[in-house]
Amino acid sequence: MRSIYFPLERGLRLIAADAGSRRLRAAIEAVAGELEKGQSPGEAFGAHQQSFPPLYGELVQLGIRSGNLSGVLFNLNRHRALT
């Protein structure tokens, strides 16, 4: 499998476009907007953590600490799409 790299905020906007929930879509868009303003991923997600299910918040924090946030977000989106 080939990897494609692009900015995190762009990836979040793609995930937001697929989000079934209007509330979740708005939260993801807000995080992308914070990233575009120059905030770190931890700050951006932290500012909107109440908008996400608790498990998502924990997994995002693990992704940030491990340096694999893109992989965590990819898998979260896959899981959400399957359920």
C-alpha atoms as a PDB file:
ATOM      1  CA  MET A   1       0.000   0.000   0.000  1.00  0.00           C
ATOM      2  CA  ARG A   2       1.266   3.443  -0.894  1.00  0.00           C
ATOM      3  CA  SER A   3       1.182   6.321   1.583  1.00  0.00           C
ATOM      4  CA  ILE A   4      -0.061   9.761   0.642  1.00  0.00           C
ATOM      5  CA  TYR A   5       0.999  12.732   2.738  1.00  0.00           C
ATOM      6  CA  PHE A   6      -0.873  16.012   3.056  1.00  0.00           C
ATOM      7  CA  PRO A   7      -1.508  18.541   5.832  1.00  0.00           C
ATOM      8  CA  LEU A   8      -3.426  17.334   8.862  1.00  0.00           C
ATOM      9  CA  GLU A   9      -6.059  20.036   8.489  1.00  0.00           C
ATOM     10  CA  ARG A  10      -6.804  18.878   4.940  1.00  0.00           C
ATOM     11  CA  GLY A  11      -7.178  15.306   6.137  1.00  0.00           C
ATOM     12  CA  LEU A  12      -9.517  16.452   8.890  1.00  0.00           C
ATOM     13  CA  ARG A  13     -11.662  18.304   6.371  1.00  0.00           C
ATOM     14  CA  LEU A  14     -11.924  15.100   4.313  1.00  0.00           C
ATOM     15  CA  ILE A  15     -12.961  13.192   7.444  1.00  0.00           C
ATOM     16  CA  ALA A  16     -15.482  15.930   8.277  1.00  0.00           C
ATOM     17  CA  ALA A  17     -17.026  15.632   4.827  1.00  0.00           C
ATOM     18  CA  ASP A  18     -17.702  11.939   5.546  1.00  0.00           C
ATOM     19  CA  ALA A  19     -19.019  12.487   9.065  1.00  0.00           C
ATOM     20  CA  GLY A  20     -22.639  11.438   9.358  1.00  0.00           C
ATOM     21  CA  SER A  21     -23.345  13.659  12.342  1.00  0.00           C
ATOM     22  CA  ARG A  22     -23.641  17.411  11.847  1.00  0.00           C
ATOM     23  CA  ARG A  23     -22.263  17.951  15.369  1.00  0.00           C
ATOM     24  CA  LEU A  24     -19.203  15.771  14.729  1.00  0.00           C
ATOM     25  CA  ARG A  25     -18.635  17.422  11.337  1.00  0.00           C
ATOM     26  CA  ALA A  26     -18.696  20.884  12.953  1.00  0.00           C
ATOM     27  CA  ALA A  27     -16.256  19.791  15.672  1.00  0.00           C
ATOM     28  CA  ILE A  28     -13.794  18.353  13.157  1.00  0.00           C
ATOM     29  CA  GLU A  29     -14.046  21.495  11.006  1.00  0.00           C
ATOM     30  CA  ALA A  30     -13.375  23.627  14.099  1.00  0.00           C
ATOM     31  CA  VAL A  31     -10.224  21.638  14.903  1.00  0.00           C
ATOM     32  CA  ALA A  32      -9.040  22.019  11.298  1.00  0.00           C
ATOM     33  CA  GLY A  33      -9.623  25.767  11.567  1.00  0.00           C
ATOM     34  CA  GLU A  34      -7.541  25.939  14.761  1.00  0.00           C
ATOM     35  CA  LEU A  35      -4.700  24.094  13.020  1.00  0.00           C
ATOM     36  CA  GLU A  36      -4.849  26.542  10.114  1.00  0.00           C
ATOM     37  CA  LYS A  37      -4.447  29.381  12.642  1.00  0.00           C
ATOM     38  CA  GLY A  38      -1.195  27.798  13.792  1.00  0.00           C
ATOM     39  CA  GLN A  39      -2.268  25.929  16.905  1.00  0.00           C
ATOM     40  CA  SER A  40      -0.627  22.602  17.672  1.00  0.00           C
ATOM     41  CA  PRO A  41      -2.746  19.460  17.279  1.00  0.00           C
ATOM     42  CA  GLY A  42      -2.876  19.078  21.070  1.00  0.00           C
ATOM     43  CA  GLU A  43      -4.144  22.634  21.525  1.00  0.00           C
ATOM     44  CA  ALA A  44      -6.616  22.373  18.651  1.00  0.00           C
ATOM     45  CA  PHE A  45      -8.154  19.104  19.802  1.00  0.00           C
ATOM     46  CA  GLY A  46      -8.013  20.182  23.443  1.00  0.00           C
ATOM     47  CA  ALA A  47     -10.044  23.315  22.695  1.00  0.00           C
ATOM     48  CA  HIS A  48     -12.842  21.151  21.293  1.00  0.00           C
ATOM     49  CA  GLN A  49     -12.484  17.940  23.295  1.00  0.00           C
ATOM     50  CA  GLN A  50     -15.979  18.254  24.796  1.00  0.00           C
ATOM     51  CA  SER A  51     -17.372  17.905  21.251  1.00  0.00           C
ATOM     52  CA  PHE A  52     -15.923  14.424  20.754  1.00  0.00           C
ATOM     53  CA  PRO A  53     -16.771  11.106  22.387  1.00  0.00           C
ATOM     54  CA  PRO A  54     -14.390  10.465  25.332  1.00  0.00           C
ATOM     55  CA  LEU A  55     -12.716   7.509  23.590  1.00  0.00           C
ATOM     56  CA  TYR A  56     -11.879   9.692  20.580  1.00  0.00           C
ATOM     57  CA  GLY A  57     -10.217  12.235  22.844  1.00  0.00           C
ATOM     58  CA  GLU A  58      -8.091   9.579  24.524  1.00  0.00           C
ATOM     59  CA  LEU A  59      -7.056   8.050  21.203  1.00  0.00           C
ATOM     60  CA  VAL A  60      -6.174  11.447  19.723  1.00  0.00           C
ATOM     61  CA  GLN A  61      -3.988  12.211  22.746  1.00  0.00           C
ATOM     62  CA  LEU A  62      -2.257   8.841  22.346  1.00  0.00           C
ATOM     63  CA  GLY A  63      -1.721   9.567  18.650  1.00  0.00           C
ATOM     64  CA  ILE A  64      -0.166  12.941  19.460  1.00  0.00           C
ATOM     65  CA  ARG A  65       2.129  11.492  22.131  1.00  0.00           C
ATOM     66  CA  SER A  66       3.201   8.578  19.935  1.00  0.00           C
ATOM     67  CA  GLY A  67       3.783  10.723  16.849  1.00  0.00           C
ATOM     68  CA  ASN A  68       1.214   8.712  14.898  1.00  0.00           C
ATOM     69  CA  LEU A  69      -1.788  11.031  14.945  1.00  0.00           C
ATOM     70  CA  SER A  70      -2.475  10.554  11.247  1.00  0.00           C
ATOM     71  CA  GLY A  71      -2.636   6.767  11.696  1.00  0.00           C
ATOM     72  CA  VAL A  72      -4.959   7.090  14.687  1.00  0.00           C
ATOM     73  CA  LEU A  73      -7.281   9.461  12.797  1.00  0.00           C
ATOM     74  CA  PHE A  74      -7.283   7.159   9.771  1.00  0.00           C
ATOM     75  CA  ASN A  75      -8.266   4.181  11.913  1.00  0.00           C
ATOM     76  CA  LEU A  76     -10.891   6.157  13.839  1.00  0.00           C
ATOM     77  CA  ASN A  77     -12.475   7.216  10.566  1.00  0.00           C
ATOM     78  CA  ARG A  78     -12.416   3.641   9.248  1.00  0.00           C
ATOM     79  CA  HIS A  79     -14.001   2.372  12.448  1.00  0.00           C
ATOM     80  CA  ARG A  80     -16.680   5.072  12.342  1.00  0.00           C
ATOM     81  CA  ALA A  81     -17.456   4.218   8.722  1.00  0.00           C
ATOM     82  CA  LEU A  82     -17.881   0.521   9.550  1.00  0.00           C
ATOM     83  CA  THR A  83     -20.155   1.036  12.539  1.00  0.00           C
END
